[in-house]
Amino acid sequence: MRRLQSLFDKNKQWSASVRQKEPDFFEKLSQQQAPEYLWIGCSDSRVPANQITDLLPGDLFVHRNVANQVIHSDLNCLSVIQYAVDYLNVKHIIVCGHYGCGGVVEATKNSKLGMIDNWLRHVQDVKHKHKKALDRIASDESLFNRMCELNVLEQVVNVCQTTVVRDAWDRGQELAVHSWIYGLNDGLLRDLGMCVTAPEELESLYSESVASIVDKIDC
């Protein structure tokens, strides 16, 4: 019970299968880390970053938290971004939410869950920011989907406004920040259309992407 032997057994099987295909895989992996991508996603166990992008260990630098938040007082997230940008020189930061996100759903419903309510308060800020458009939605499912999408866009803005990313752009570093969302029901990633490569692009791309989401409400 305490050792979780089944997981150790699965690890041995996985390691053996990888080494069978590529005998020196782990030796090469242990000597360097040079991913091109930083993934900021949700902690949800159904959204494993490497698997859904079909990338190997070493290809993706990952930060996950409940509802894929980027909060300017969160030193954990900011430290990950700085290490990825300044030391690993990633070229892409992907903020990826997912439909059916429990954190977004409960925040939208104003549920009382305990300490996590303080974290999800930031998702509720997204709801209040777009209240006029969201109030037109009759279906709960549609409301939750639009909130998941809008939450991704807001976190992209937050990434772009960090000093780390702005300093990188100021020194001419090649860096793009992407807005993606994942469908649990079909396993597919979708681009929400906001890909920022310079600070002067942020406002217009954000407005266009929000408008695209609001258009779905009017359909």
C-alpha atoms as a PDB file:
ATOM      1  CA  MET A   1       0.000   0.000   0.000  1.00  0.00           C
ATOM      2  CA  ARG A   2       2.674   2.534   0.996  1.00  0.00           C
ATOM      3  CA  ARG A   3       5.024   1.799  -1.911  1.00  0.00           C
ATOM      4  CA  LEU A   4       2.427   1.885  -4.731  1.00  0.00           C
ATOM      5  CA  GLN A   5       4.219  -1.055  -6.299  1.00  0.00           C
ATOM      6  CA  SER A   6       2.001  -1.064  -9.386  1.00  0.00           C
ATOM      7  CA  LEU A   7       3.331   2.362 -10.376  1.00  0.00           C
ATOM      8  CA  PHE A   8       6.936   1.237  -9.923  1.00  0.00           C
ATOM      9  CA  ASP A   9       6.171  -1.780 -12.106  1.00  0.00           C
ATOM     10  CA  LYS A  10       4.647   0.405 -14.803  1.00  0.00           C
ATOM     11  CA  ASN A  11       7.676   2.698 -14.651  1.00  0.00           C
ATOM     12  CA  LYS A  12      10.028  -0.237 -15.233  1.00  0.00           C
ATOM     13  CA  GLN A  13       7.952  -1.391 -18.201  1.00  0.00           C
ATOM     14  CA  TRP A  14       7.926   2.092 -19.687  1.00  0.00           C
ATOM     15  CA  SER A  15      11.668   2.580 -19.210  1.00  0.00           C
ATOM     16  CA  ALA A  16      12.388  -0.793 -20.805  1.00  0.00           C
ATOM     17  CA  SER A  17      10.151  -0.094 -23.796  1.00  0.00           C
ATOM     18  CA  VAL A  18      11.803   3.282 -24.407  1.00  0.00           C
ATOM     19  CA  ARG A  19      15.309   1.801 -24.178  1.00  0.00           C
ATOM     20  CA  GLN A  20      14.322  -0.987 -26.515  1.00  0.00           C
ATOM     21  CA  LYS A  21      13.398   1.541 -29.192  1.00  0.00           C
ATOM     22  CA  GLU A  22      16.303   3.911 -28.487  1.00  0.00           C
ATOM     23  CA  PRO A  23      19.021   2.439 -26.230  1.00  0.00           C
ATOM     24  CA  ASP A  24      20.748   5.768 -25.491  1.00  0.00           C
ATOM     25  CA  PHE A  25      17.553   7.824 -25.035  1.00  0.00           C
ATOM     26  CA  PHE A  26      17.906   8.428 -21.291  1.00  0.00           C
ATOM     27  CA  GLU A  27      21.635   9.060 -21.512  1.00  0.00           C
ATOM     28  CA  LYS A  28      21.083  11.824 -24.067  1.00  0.00           C
ATOM     29  CA  LEU A  29      18.079  13.178 -22.160  1.00  0.00           C
ATOM     30  CA  SER A  30      20.019  13.448 -18.898  1.00  0.00           C
ATOM     31  CA  GLN A  31      22.766  15.522 -20.510  1.00  0.00           C
ATOM     32  CA  GLN A  32      20.666  18.383 -21.825  1.00  0.00           C
ATOM     33  CA  GLN A  33      17.304  20.137 -21.691  1.00  0.00           C
ATOM     34  CA  ALA A  34      16.483  22.221 -24.739  1.00  0.00           C
ATOM     35  CA  PRO A  35      12.706  22.443 -25.214  1.00  0.00           C
ATOM     36  CA  GLU A  36      11.245  24.962 -27.647  1.00  0.00           C
ATOM     37  CA  TYR A  37       7.951  25.176 -25.795  1.00  0.00           C
ATOM     38  CA  LEU A  38       6.676  26.241 -22.392  1.00  0.00           C
ATOM     39  CA  TRP A  39       3.242  24.797 -21.645  1.00  0.00           C
ATOM     40  CA  ILE A  40       1.064  26.547 -19.061  1.00  0.00           C
ATOM     41  CA  GLY A  41      -1.919  24.308 -18.510  1.00  0.00           C
ATOM     42  CA  CYS A  42      -4.457  23.015 -16.039  1.00  0.00           C
ATOM     43  CA  SER A  43      -3.641  20.458 -13.336  1.00  0.00           C
ATOM     44  CA  ASP A  44      -6.544  18.309 -14.558  1.00  0.00           C
ATOM     45  CA  SER A  45      -5.370  14.685 -14.818  1.00  0.00           C
ATOM     46  CA  ARG A  46      -7.149  14.334 -18.172  1.00  0.00           C
ATOM     47  CA  VAL A  47      -4.924  16.904 -19.881  1.00  0.00           C
ATOM     48  CA  PRO A  48      -1.362  15.490 -19.927  1.00  0.00           C
ATOM     49  CA  ALA A  49       0.662  17.974 -21.964  1.00  0.00           C
ATOM     50  CA  ASN A  50       3.240  15.644 -23.511  1.00  0.00           C
ATOM     51  CA  GLN A  51       0.703  13.007 -24.488  1.00  0.00           C
ATOM     52  CA  ILE A  52      -1.823  15.254 -26.191  1.00  0.00           C
ATOM     53  CA  THR A  53       0.926  16.985 -28.193  1.00  0.00           C
ATOM     54  CA  ASP A  54       2.708  13.667 -28.844  1.00  0.00           C
ATOM     55  CA  LEU A  55       6.019  15.101 -27.646  1.00  0.00           C
ATOM     56  CA  LEU A  56       8.807  13.177 -25.938  1.00  0.00           C
ATOM     57  CA  PRO A  57      10.286  13.946 -22.516  1.00  0.00           C
ATOM     58  CA  GLY A  58      12.621  16.909 -22.941  1.00  0.00           C
ATOM     59  CA  ASP A  59      10.532  18.549 -25.675  1.00  0.00           C
ATOM     60  CA  LEU A  60       8.115  20.455 -23.442  1.00  0.00           C
ATOM     61  CA  PHE A  61       8.734  22.551 -20.312  1.00  0.00           C
ATOM     62  CA  VAL A  62       5.548  22.414 -18.243  1.00  0.00           C
ATOM     63  CA  HIS A  63       3.770  24.442 -15.570  1.00  0.00           C
ATOM     64  CA  ARG A  64       0.289  23.371 -14.462  1.00  0.00           C
ATOM     65  CA  ASN A  65      -2.139  24.710 -11.883  1.00  0.00           C
ATOM     66  CA  VAL A  66      -5.885  24.729 -11.311  1.00  0.00           C
ATOM     67  CA  ALA A  67      -7.604  26.496 -14.232  1.00  0.00           C
ATOM     68  CA  ASN A  68      -4.277  27.374 -15.969  1.00  0.00           C
ATOM     69  CA  GLN A  69      -3.875  30.702 -14.198  1.00  0.00           C
ATOM     70  CA  VAL A  70      -1.052  33.220 -14.659  1.00  0.00           C
ATOM     71  CA  ILE A  71      -1.170  35.504 -11.637  1.00  0.00           C
ATOM     72  CA  HIS A  72       1.399  38.240 -11.143  1.00  0.00           C
ATOM     73  CA  SER A  73       1.867  37.425  -7.458  1.00  0.00           C
ATOM     74  CA  ASP A  74       2.439  33.708  -8.138  1.00  0.00           C
ATOM     75  CA  LEU A  75       6.210  33.354  -7.816  1.00  0.00           C
ATOM     76  CA  ASN A  76       6.030  29.696  -8.787  1.00  0.00           C
ATOM     77  CA  CYS A  77       4.549  30.438 -12.201  1.00  0.00           C
ATOM     78  CA  LEU A  78       6.706  33.514 -12.739  1.00  0.00           C
ATOM     79  CA  SER A  79       9.844  31.551 -11.891  1.00  0.00           C
ATOM     80  CA  VAL A  80       8.914  28.872 -14.421  1.00  0.00           C
ATOM     81  CA  ILE A  81       8.366  31.529 -17.090  1.00  0.00           C
ATOM     82  CA  GLN A  82      11.669  33.209 -16.320  1.00  0.00           C
ATOM     83  CA  TYR A  83      13.645  29.979 -16.379  1.00  0.00           C
ATOM     84  CA  ALA A  84      11.986  28.926 -19.630  1.00  0.00           C
ATOM     85  CA  VAL A  85      12.531  32.271 -21.356  1.00  0.00           C
ATOM     86  CA  ASP A  86      15.868  33.438 -19.945  1.00  0.00           C
ATOM     87  CA  TYR A  87      17.735  30.148 -19.555  1.00  0.00           C
ATOM     88  CA  LEU A  88      16.064  27.573 -21.797  1.00  0.00           C
ATOM     89  CA  ASN A  89      15.335  30.152 -24.519  1.00  0.00           C
ATOM     90  CA  VAL A  90      11.980  28.662 -25.436  1.00  0.00           C
ATOM     91  CA  LYS A  91      10.458  30.131 -28.574  1.00  0.00           C
ATOM     92  CA  HIS A  92       6.825  29.501 -27.700  1.00  0.00           C
ATOM     93  CA  ILE A  93       4.715  29.885 -24.563  1.00  0.00           C
ATOM     94  CA  ILE A  94       1.437  27.990 -24.902  1.00  0.00           C
ATOM     95  CA  VAL A  95      -1.400  28.796 -22.513  1.00  0.00           C
ATOM     96  CA  CYS A  96      -3.763  25.844 -22.849  1.00  0.00           C
ATOM     97  CA  GLY A  97      -7.106  25.582 -21.128  1.00  0.00           C
ATOM     98  CA  HIS A  98      -9.673  22.860 -21.654  1.00  0.00           C
ATOM     99  CA  TYR A  99     -13.419  22.592 -22.000  1.00  0.00           C
ATOM    100  CA  GLY A 100     -15.106  21.191 -18.919  1.00  0.00           C
ATOM    101  CA  CYS A 101     -12.482  22.700 -16.609  1.00  0.00           C
ATOM    102  CA  GLY A 102     -13.746  22.129 -13.072  1.00  0.00           C
ATOM    103  CA  GLY A 103     -12.058  25.248 -11.737  1.00  0.00           C
ATOM    104  CA  VAL A 104     -13.630  27.484 -14.364  1.00  0.00           C
ATOM    105  CA  VAL A 105     -17.038  25.832 -13.985  1.00  0.00           C
ATOM    106  CA  GLU A 106     -17.121  26.180 -10.194  1.00  0.00           C
ATOM    107  CA  ALA A 107     -15.867  29.769 -10.336  1.00  0.00           C
ATOM    108  CA  THR A 108     -18.546  30.616 -12.895  1.00  0.00           C
ATOM    109  CA  LYS A 109     -21.189  29.064 -10.621  1.00  0.00           C
ATOM    110  CA  ASN A 110     -19.831  31.022  -7.621  1.00  0.00           C
ATOM    111  CA  SER A 111     -19.418  27.751  -5.732  1.00  0.00           C
ATOM    112  CA  LYS A 112     -17.947  27.746  -2.236  1.00  0.00           C
ATOM    113  CA  LEU A 113     -15.177  25.151  -2.141  1.00  0.00           C
ATOM    114  CA  GLY A 114     -12.899  26.415   0.616  1.00  0.00           C
ATOM    115  CA  MET A 115      -9.362  27.738   0.298  1.00  0.00           C
ATOM    116  CA  ILE A 116      -9.315  27.274  -3.471  1.00  0.00           C
ATOM    117  CA  ASP A 117     -11.967  30.002  -3.749  1.00  0.00           C
ATOM    118  CA  ASN A 118      -9.158  32.520  -3.275  1.00  0.00           C
ATOM    119  CA  TRP A 119      -7.354  31.104  -6.318  1.00  0.00           C
ATOM    120  CA  LEU A 120     -10.506  30.905  -8.434  1.00  0.00           C
ATOM    121  CA  ARG A 121     -11.334  34.509  -7.582  1.00  0.00           C
ATOM    122  CA  HIS A 122      -9.189  35.406 -10.598  1.00  0.00           C
ATOM    123  CA  VAL A 123     -11.446  33.345 -12.865  1.00  0.00           C
ATOM    124  CA  GLN A 124     -14.444  35.176 -11.441  1.00  0.00           C
ATOM    125  CA  ASP A 125     -12.729  38.430 -12.407  1.00  0.00           C
ATOM    126  CA  VAL A 126     -12.794  37.182 -16.002  1.00  0.00           C
ATOM    127  CA  LYS A 127     -16.516  36.510 -15.651  1.00  0.00           C
ATOM    128  CA  HIS A 128     -17.200  40.011 -14.334  1.00  0.00           C
ATOM    129  CA  LYS A 129     -15.070  41.607 -17.046  1.00  0.00           C
ATOM    130  CA  HIS A 130     -17.190  39.999 -19.766  1.00  0.00           C
ATOM    131  CA  LYS A 131     -20.480  39.963 -17.850  1.00  0.00           C
ATOM    132  CA  LYS A 132     -22.484  41.862 -20.473  1.00  0.00           C
ATOM    133  CA  ALA A 133     -21.760  39.300 -23.184  1.00  0.00           C
ATOM    134  CA  LEU A 134     -21.957  36.261 -20.927  1.00  0.00           C
ATOM    135  CA  ASP A 135     -25.341  37.277 -19.517  1.00  0.00           C
ATOM    136  CA  ARG A 136     -26.839  36.678 -22.971  1.00  0.00           C
ATOM    137  CA  ILE A 137     -26.060  32.954 -22.804  1.00  0.00           C
ATOM    138  CA  ALA A 138     -28.997  30.724 -21.909  1.00  0.00           C
ATOM    139  CA  SER A 139     -27.231  27.346 -21.831  1.00  0.00           C
ATOM    140  CA  ASP A 140     -24.931  26.419 -18.951  1.00  0.00           C
ATOM    141  CA  GLU A 141     -22.740  24.326 -21.255  1.00  0.00           C
ATOM    142  CA  SER A 142     -22.265  27.227 -23.653  1.00  0.00           C
ATOM    143  CA  LEU A 143     -21.566  29.589 -20.755  1.00  0.00           C
ATOM    144  CA  PHE A 144     -18.890  27.285 -19.325  1.00  0.00           C
ATOM    145  CA  ASN A 145     -17.294  26.808 -22.766  1.00  0.00           C
ATOM    146  CA  ARG A 146     -17.103  30.543 -23.423  1.00  0.00           C
ATOM    147  CA  MET A 147     -15.666  31.099 -19.951  1.00  0.00           C
ATOM    148  CA  CYS A 148     -12.976  28.475 -20.545  1.00  0.00           C
ATOM    149  CA  GLU A 149     -12.045  30.260 -23.787  1.00  0.00           C
ATOM    150  CA  LEU A 150     -12.074  33.756 -22.294  1.00  0.00           C
ATOM    151  CA  ASN A 151     -10.011  32.560 -19.341  1.00  0.00           C
ATOM    152  CA  VAL A 152      -7.285  31.396 -21.735  1.00  0.00           C
ATOM    153  CA  LEU A 153      -7.209  34.799 -23.444  1.00  0.00           C
ATOM    154  CA  GLU A 154      -6.911  36.613 -20.120  1.00  0.00           C
ATOM    155  CA  GLN A 155      -4.001  34.416 -19.086  1.00  0.00           C
ATOM    156  CA  VAL A 156      -2.250  35.084 -22.396  1.00  0.00           C
ATOM    157  CA  VAL A 157      -2.549  38.795 -21.611  1.00  0.00           C
ATOM    158  CA  ASN A 158      -1.071  38.152 -18.176  1.00  0.00           C
ATOM    159  CA  VAL A 159       1.872  36.244 -19.678  1.00  0.00           C
ATOM    160  CA  CYS A 160       2.531  39.041 -22.151  1.00  0.00           C
ATOM    161  CA  GLN A 161       2.480  41.623 -19.382  1.00  0.00           C
ATOM    162  CA  THR A 162       5.099  39.893 -17.227  1.00  0.00           C
ATOM    163  CA  THR A 163       8.426  41.675 -16.988  1.00  0.00           C
ATOM    164  CA  VAL A 164      10.132  38.490 -18.171  1.00  0.00           C
ATOM    165  CA  VAL A 165       8.311  38.384 -21.497  1.00  0.00           C
ATOM    166  CA  ARG A 166       8.442  42.140 -22.041  1.00  0.00           C
ATOM    167  CA  ASP A 167      12.186  42.197 -21.349  1.00  0.00           C
ATOM    168  CA  ALA A 168      12.666  39.334 -23.797  1.00  0.00           C
ATOM    169  CA  TRP A 169      10.834  41.231 -26.521  1.00  0.00           C
ATOM    170  CA  ASP A 170      12.741  44.430 -25.712  1.00  0.00           C
ATOM    171  CA  ARG A 171      16.047  42.671 -26.346  1.00  0.00           C
ATOM    172  CA  GLY A 172      14.755  41.206 -29.603  1.00  0.00           C
ATOM    173  CA  GLN A 173      14.329  37.612 -28.420  1.00  0.00           C
ATOM    174  CA  GLU A 174      12.117  35.476 -30.640  1.00  0.00           C
ATOM    175  CA  LEU A 175       9.124  34.560 -28.487  1.00  0.00           C
ATOM    176  CA  ALA A 176       5.450  33.884 -29.271  1.00  0.00           C
ATOM    177  CA  VAL A 177       2.620  33.476 -26.752  1.00  0.00           C
ATOM    178  CA  HIS A 178      -0.245  31.243 -27.906  1.00  0.00           C
ATOM    179  CA  SER A 179      -3.869  30.702 -26.835  1.00  0.00           C
ATOM    180  CA  TRP A 180      -5.027  27.095 -27.091  1.00  0.00           C
ATOM    181  CA  ILE A 181      -7.862  25.023 -25.696  1.00  0.00           C
ATOM    182  CA  TYR A 182      -8.297  21.264 -25.501  1.00  0.00           C
ATOM    183  CA  GLY A 183     -11.458  19.223 -25.969  1.00  0.00           C
ATOM    184  CA  LEU A 184     -11.885  16.376 -23.496  1.00  0.00           C
ATOM    185  CA  ASN A 185     -14.596  14.829 -25.647  1.00  0.00           C
ATOM    186  CA  ASP A 186     -12.502  14.504 -28.819  1.00  0.00           C
ATOM    187  CA  GLY A 187      -8.871  14.855 -27.741  1.00  0.00           C
ATOM    188  CA  LEU A 188      -8.265  17.781 -30.097  1.00  0.00           C
ATOM    189  CA  LEU A 189      -6.447  21.062 -29.531  1.00  0.00           C
ATOM    190  CA  ARG A 190      -7.917  24.283 -30.875  1.00  0.00           C
ATOM    191  CA  ASP A 191      -6.225  27.623 -31.517  1.00  0.00           C
ATOM    192  CA  LEU A 192      -8.205  30.545 -30.084  1.00  0.00           C
ATOM    193  CA  GLY A 193      -6.453  32.912 -32.495  1.00  0.00           C
ATOM    194  CA  MET A 194      -4.361  34.985 -30.118  1.00  0.00           C
ATOM    195  CA  CYS A 195      -0.675  34.573 -30.943  1.00  0.00           C
ATOM    196  CA  VAL A 196       1.373  37.508 -29.656  1.00  0.00           C
ATOM    197  CA  THR A 197       4.962  38.043 -30.791  1.00  0.00           C
ATOM    198  CA  ALA A 198       5.463  41.691 -29.760  1.00  0.00           C
ATOM    199  CA  PRO A 199       3.920  44.037 -27.155  1.00  0.00           C
ATOM    200  CA  GLU A 200       2.344  46.295 -29.759  1.00  0.00           C
ATOM    201  CA  GLU A 201       0.263  43.342 -31.043  1.00  0.00           C
ATOM    202  CA  LEU A 202      -1.345  42.552 -27.706  1.00  0.00           C
ATOM    203  CA  GLU A 203      -4.306  44.943 -27.613  1.00  0.00           C
ATOM    204  CA  SER A 204      -5.546  44.335 -31.159  1.00  0.00           C
ATOM    205  CA  LEU A 205      -5.121  40.557 -31.046  1.00  0.00           C
ATOM    206  CA  TYR A 206      -6.895  40.383 -27.702  1.00  0.00           C
ATOM    207  CA  SER A 207      -9.826  42.447 -29.006  1.00  0.00           C
ATOM    208  CA  GLU A 208     -10.120  40.325 -32.146  1.00  0.00           C
ATOM    209  CA  SER A 209     -10.020  37.053 -30.217  1.00  0.00           C
ATOM    210  CA  VAL A 210     -12.585  38.193 -27.654  1.00  0.00           C
ATOM    211  CA  ALA A 211     -14.847  39.367 -30.484  1.00  0.00           C
ATOM    212  CA  SER A 212     -14.576  35.937 -32.105  1.00  0.00           C
ATOM    213  CA  ILE A 213     -15.723  34.277 -28.881  1.00  0.00           C
ATOM    214  CA  VAL A 214     -18.555  36.774 -28.382  1.00  0.00           C
ATOM    215  CA  ASP A 215     -19.697  36.073 -31.958  1.00  0.00           C
ATOM    216  CA  LYS A 216     -20.374  32.475 -30.906  1.00  0.00           C
ATOM    217  CA  ILE A 217     -22.784  33.801 -28.295  1.00  0.00           C
ATOM    218  CA  ASP A 218     -24.776  35.644 -30.919  1.00  0.00           C
ATOM    219  CA  CYS A 219     -25.087  32.575 -33.186  1.00  0.00           C
END
